[in-house]
N, C-alpha and C. Protein backbone atom coordinates (compact mmCIF):
# COMPACT_ATOMS: atom_id res chain seq x y z
N MET A 1 69.67 -25.57 4.97
CA MET A 1 68.81 -24.63 4.32
C MET A 1 68.56 -25.07 2.88
N GLU A 2 67.29 -25.12 2.56
CA GLU A 2 66.95 -25.59 1.22
C GLU A 2 67.01 -24.43 0.22
N LYS A 3 67.50 -24.74 -0.95
CA LYS A 3 67.53 -23.75 -2.02
C LYS A 3 66.19 -23.74 -2.73
N LYS A 4 65.71 -22.51 -3.01
CA LYS A 4 64.46 -22.41 -3.76
C LYS A 4 64.75 -22.67 -5.22
N LYS A 5 63.85 -23.42 -5.79
CA LYS A 5 63.98 -23.75 -7.20
C LYS A 5 63.48 -22.57 -8.02
N PRO A 6 64.26 -22.06 -8.97
CA PRO A 6 63.79 -20.95 -9.80
C PRO A 6 62.62 -21.40 -10.69
N LEU A 7 61.79 -20.43 -11.03
CA LEU A 7 60.65 -20.73 -11.90
C LEU A 7 61.15 -21.16 -13.27
N PRO A 8 60.50 -22.14 -13.82
CA PRO A 8 60.92 -22.55 -15.17
C PRO A 8 60.64 -21.42 -16.17
N LYS A 9 61.43 -21.39 -17.20
CA LYS A 9 61.27 -20.35 -18.22
C LYS A 9 59.94 -20.46 -18.94
N ASN A 10 59.35 -21.62 -18.98
CA ASN A 10 58.06 -21.80 -19.65
C ASN A 10 56.98 -20.92 -19.00
N ILE A 11 56.96 -20.87 -17.68
CA ILE A 11 55.95 -20.07 -16.99
C ILE A 11 56.15 -18.59 -17.29
N PHE A 12 57.41 -18.17 -17.32
CA PHE A 12 57.70 -16.76 -17.64
C PHE A 12 57.16 -16.40 -19.02
N TYR A 13 57.38 -17.24 -20.01
CA TYR A 13 56.90 -16.97 -21.37
C TYR A 13 55.37 -17.03 -21.44
N ILE A 14 54.77 -17.90 -20.67
CA ILE A 14 53.31 -17.99 -20.64
C ILE A 14 52.72 -16.71 -20.06
N VAL A 15 53.32 -16.20 -18.98
CA VAL A 15 52.84 -14.96 -18.37
C VAL A 15 53.02 -13.78 -19.33
N ILE A 16 54.14 -13.69 -19.99
CA ILE A 16 54.38 -12.62 -20.96
C ILE A 16 53.37 -12.71 -22.11
N ALA A 17 53.12 -13.91 -22.62
CA ALA A 17 52.15 -14.09 -23.71
C ALA A 17 50.76 -13.67 -23.25
N PHE A 18 50.40 -14.05 -22.03
CA PHE A 18 49.10 -13.65 -21.50
C PHE A 18 48.98 -12.14 -21.42
N LEU A 19 50.01 -11.48 -20.93
CA LEU A 19 49.98 -10.01 -20.82
C LEU A 19 49.88 -9.35 -22.20
N VAL A 20 50.59 -9.87 -23.18
CA VAL A 20 50.53 -9.32 -24.55
C VAL A 20 49.12 -9.48 -25.11
N VAL A 21 48.53 -10.65 -24.96
CA VAL A 21 47.17 -10.89 -25.45
C VAL A 21 46.18 -9.99 -24.73
N PHE A 22 46.37 -9.82 -23.43
CA PHE A 22 45.48 -8.96 -22.65
C PHE A 22 45.56 -7.51 -23.12
N VAL A 23 46.76 -7.01 -23.35
CA VAL A 23 46.94 -5.63 -23.81
C VAL A 23 46.31 -5.44 -25.19
N VAL A 24 46.52 -6.38 -26.09
CA VAL A 24 45.93 -6.29 -27.44
C VAL A 24 44.41 -6.30 -27.36
N ALA A 25 43.84 -7.16 -26.51
CA ALA A 25 42.38 -7.23 -26.36
C ALA A 25 41.85 -5.91 -25.80
N MET A 26 42.55 -5.32 -24.85
CA MET A 26 42.10 -4.05 -24.27
C MET A 26 42.19 -2.91 -25.30
N LEU A 27 43.21 -2.92 -26.14
CA LEU A 27 43.32 -1.90 -27.19
C LEU A 27 42.18 -2.03 -28.19
N ILE A 28 41.82 -3.25 -28.53
CA ILE A 28 40.69 -3.46 -29.44
C ILE A 28 39.41 -2.97 -28.79
N ARG A 29 39.23 -3.29 -27.52
CA ARG A 29 38.02 -2.86 -26.79
C ARG A 29 37.94 -1.34 -26.72
N ILE A 30 39.07 -0.68 -26.49
CA ILE A 30 39.09 0.78 -26.44
C ILE A 30 38.70 1.36 -27.79
N GLY A 31 39.18 0.76 -28.87
CA GLY A 31 38.81 1.22 -30.22
C GLY A 31 37.32 1.10 -30.47
N VAL A 32 36.74 -0.02 -30.06
CA VAL A 32 35.30 -0.23 -30.24
C VAL A 32 34.51 0.79 -29.42
N LEU A 33 34.93 1.02 -28.19
CA LEU A 33 34.23 1.99 -27.35
C LEU A 33 34.36 3.42 -27.88
N MET A 34 35.51 3.74 -28.45
CA MET A 34 35.68 5.08 -29.03
C MET A 34 34.76 5.27 -30.23
N ASN A 35 34.62 4.23 -31.08
CA ASN A 35 33.70 4.32 -32.22
C ASN A 35 32.26 4.48 -31.74
N GLU A 36 31.88 3.74 -30.72
CA GLU A 36 30.53 3.85 -30.17
C GLU A 36 30.30 5.23 -29.58
N ASN A 37 31.31 5.76 -28.91
CA ASN A 37 31.21 7.10 -28.33
C ASN A 37 31.05 8.16 -29.43
N LYS A 38 31.77 7.99 -30.52
CA LYS A 38 31.67 8.92 -31.64
C LYS A 38 30.26 8.91 -32.24
N LYS A 39 29.70 7.70 -32.42
CA LYS A 39 28.34 7.59 -32.96
C LYS A 39 27.33 8.24 -32.03
N LEU A 40 27.48 8.02 -30.73
CA LEU A 40 26.55 8.62 -29.76
C LEU A 40 26.68 10.14 -29.74
N ALA A 41 27.90 10.64 -29.91
CA ALA A 41 28.09 12.09 -29.95
C ALA A 41 27.41 12.69 -31.18
N GLU A 42 27.52 12.02 -32.32
CA GLU A 42 26.85 12.49 -33.54
C GLU A 42 25.34 12.46 -33.37
N GLU A 43 24.84 11.41 -32.73
CA GLU A 43 23.40 11.31 -32.49
C GLU A 43 22.93 12.42 -31.55
N LEU A 44 23.74 12.73 -30.57
CA LEU A 44 23.40 13.80 -29.63
C LEU A 44 23.34 15.15 -30.33
N VAL A 45 24.27 15.40 -31.22
CA VAL A 45 24.27 16.67 -31.97
C VAL A 45 23.01 16.76 -32.83
N ALA A 46 22.62 15.65 -33.46
CA ALA A 46 21.41 15.65 -34.28
C ALA A 46 20.17 15.89 -33.43
N LYS A 47 20.12 15.27 -32.26
CA LYS A 47 18.97 15.47 -31.36
C LYS A 47 18.90 16.90 -30.85
N GLU A 48 20.06 17.50 -30.57
CA GLU A 48 20.08 18.89 -30.12
C GLU A 48 19.58 19.82 -31.22
N ALA A 49 19.99 19.56 -32.46
CA ALA A 49 19.53 20.38 -33.58
C ALA A 49 18.01 20.24 -33.75
N GLU A 50 17.52 19.02 -33.63
CA GLU A 50 16.08 18.77 -33.73
C GLU A 50 15.34 19.48 -32.60
N SER A 51 15.91 19.45 -31.42
CA SER A 51 15.29 20.11 -30.27
C SER A 51 15.23 21.62 -30.47
N MET A 52 16.30 22.19 -31.00
CA MET A 52 16.32 23.64 -31.25
C MET A 52 15.27 24.01 -32.31
N GLU A 53 15.14 23.17 -33.33
CA GLU A 53 14.14 23.40 -34.37
C GLU A 53 12.73 23.37 -33.77
N MET A 54 12.48 22.40 -32.90
CA MET A 54 11.17 22.30 -32.26
C MET A 54 10.92 23.50 -31.35
N ASP A 55 11.95 23.96 -30.66
CA ASP A 55 11.81 25.14 -29.81
C ASP A 55 11.42 26.36 -30.64
N GLU A 56 12.02 26.51 -31.82
CA GLU A 56 11.68 27.62 -32.71
C GLU A 56 10.22 27.53 -33.17
N LYS A 57 9.80 26.31 -33.53
CA LYS A 57 8.41 26.12 -33.96
C LYS A 57 7.45 26.41 -32.82
N ASN A 58 7.80 25.97 -31.61
CA ASN A 58 6.95 26.22 -30.46
C ASN A 58 6.85 27.72 -30.17
N ALA A 59 7.96 28.44 -30.30
CA ALA A 59 7.95 29.88 -30.07
C ALA A 59 7.05 30.57 -31.10
N ALA A 60 7.12 30.11 -32.35
CA ALA A 60 6.27 30.71 -33.39
C ALA A 60 4.79 30.42 -33.10
N LEU A 61 4.47 29.21 -32.66
CA LEU A 61 3.08 28.89 -32.33
C LEU A 61 2.59 29.68 -31.12
N GLU A 62 3.45 29.86 -30.13
CA GLU A 62 3.07 30.66 -28.96
C GLU A 62 2.79 32.10 -29.36
N ALA A 63 3.60 32.64 -30.27
CA ALA A 63 3.38 34.00 -30.75
C ALA A 63 2.05 34.09 -31.48
N LEU A 64 1.73 33.09 -32.30
CA LEU A 64 0.44 33.07 -33.00
C LEU A 64 -0.72 32.99 -32.00
N MET A 65 -0.55 32.19 -30.97
CA MET A 65 -1.62 32.07 -29.98
C MET A 65 -1.86 33.38 -29.25
N LYS A 66 -0.81 34.14 -29.01
CA LYS A 66 -0.95 35.41 -28.31
C LYS A 66 -1.58 36.47 -29.22
N GLU A 67 -1.23 36.43 -30.52
CA GLU A 67 -1.72 37.44 -31.45
C GLU A 67 -3.15 37.16 -31.90
N GLU A 68 -3.45 35.94 -32.21
CA GLU A 68 -4.75 35.60 -32.78
C GLU A 68 -5.55 34.78 -31.77
N ASN A 69 -6.86 34.79 -31.99
CA ASN A 69 -7.65 33.94 -31.10
C ASN A 69 -7.57 32.49 -31.58
N GLU A 70 -8.03 31.59 -30.76
CA GLU A 70 -7.85 30.17 -31.01
C GLU A 70 -8.59 29.68 -32.25
N SER A 71 -9.75 30.22 -32.52
CA SER A 71 -10.52 29.75 -33.67
C SER A 71 -9.84 30.11 -34.98
N VAL A 72 -9.19 31.27 -35.04
CA VAL A 72 -8.47 31.65 -36.26
C VAL A 72 -7.30 30.70 -36.49
N LEU A 73 -6.61 30.36 -35.42
CA LEU A 73 -5.48 29.44 -35.53
C LEU A 73 -5.95 28.05 -35.96
N MET A 74 -7.07 27.59 -35.41
CA MET A 74 -7.60 26.29 -35.78
C MET A 74 -8.04 26.28 -37.24
N GLU A 75 -8.63 27.36 -37.70
CA GLU A 75 -9.04 27.45 -39.11
C GLU A 75 -7.83 27.45 -40.03
N GLN A 76 -6.80 28.16 -39.64
CA GLN A 76 -5.58 28.19 -40.44
C GLN A 76 -4.97 26.79 -40.54
N TYR A 77 -4.92 26.07 -39.44
CA TYR A 77 -4.39 24.72 -39.45
C TYR A 77 -5.25 23.80 -40.32
N ALA A 78 -6.57 23.95 -40.22
CA ALA A 78 -7.47 23.12 -41.03
C ALA A 78 -7.26 23.39 -42.51
N ARG A 79 -7.06 24.64 -42.88
CA ARG A 79 -6.80 24.98 -44.30
C ARG A 79 -5.50 24.33 -44.77
N GLU A 80 -4.49 24.32 -43.91
CA GLU A 80 -3.22 23.70 -44.27
C GLU A 80 -3.38 22.19 -44.48
N GLN A 81 -4.33 21.59 -43.79
CA GLN A 81 -4.57 20.16 -43.90
C GLN A 81 -5.64 19.83 -44.95
N ASP A 82 -6.02 20.82 -45.76
CA ASP A 82 -6.99 20.68 -46.86
C ASP A 82 -8.41 20.38 -46.39
N TYR A 83 -8.80 20.88 -45.23
CA TYR A 83 -10.18 20.76 -44.77
C TYR A 83 -10.97 21.98 -45.26
N VAL A 84 -12.24 21.77 -45.54
CA VAL A 84 -13.11 22.86 -45.98
C VAL A 84 -14.41 22.79 -45.18
N TYR A 85 -15.17 23.90 -45.23
CA TYR A 85 -16.48 23.91 -44.60
C TYR A 85 -17.42 22.98 -45.36
N PRO A 86 -18.46 22.47 -44.74
CA PRO A 86 -19.35 21.50 -45.41
C PRO A 86 -19.97 22.01 -46.72
N ASP A 87 -20.39 23.27 -46.78
CA ASP A 87 -21.04 23.79 -48.00
C ASP A 87 -20.09 24.65 -48.82
N GLU A 88 -18.82 24.53 -48.60
CA GLU A 88 -17.84 25.38 -49.26
C GLU A 88 -17.29 24.66 -50.50
N HIS A 89 -17.11 25.43 -51.56
CA HIS A 89 -16.51 24.90 -52.79
C HIS A 89 -15.13 25.50 -52.93
N VAL A 90 -14.14 24.65 -53.08
CA VAL A 90 -12.75 25.10 -53.20
C VAL A 90 -12.25 24.70 -54.56
N TYR A 91 -11.72 25.66 -55.27
CA TYR A 91 -11.19 25.41 -56.61
C TYR A 91 -9.68 25.47 -56.54
N ILE A 92 -9.02 24.46 -57.05
CA ILE A 92 -7.57 24.41 -57.03
C ILE A 92 -7.08 24.61 -58.45
N TYR A 93 -6.27 25.62 -58.59
CA TYR A 93 -5.70 25.94 -59.90
C TYR A 93 -4.26 25.48 -59.92
N GLY A 94 -3.80 25.05 -61.04
CA GLY A 94 -2.40 24.63 -61.16
C GLY A 94 -2.32 23.37 -61.97
N ASN A 95 -1.18 22.75 -61.90
CA ASN A 95 -0.92 21.54 -62.72
C ASN A 95 -1.66 20.38 -62.19
């Protein structure tokens, strides 16, 4: 019966070194992914806030559409954008 030769100690140390390097690399990767996840979560919160703001604006515009007719709303928007009627004179007071 032949005796099995034990593994040399060099292979054992190589395997241990490989496992240590692998664990360190995975810990670094987890840290990077956690930072990326945090940034995405912050971006999501900002997008949700923006969405809620747009929903409020849309609700206000829908209320205006129900209360006033379309031409009044269009005229109001045109005034906000500094449009005037062709023969109209607009005087701006202030600084």
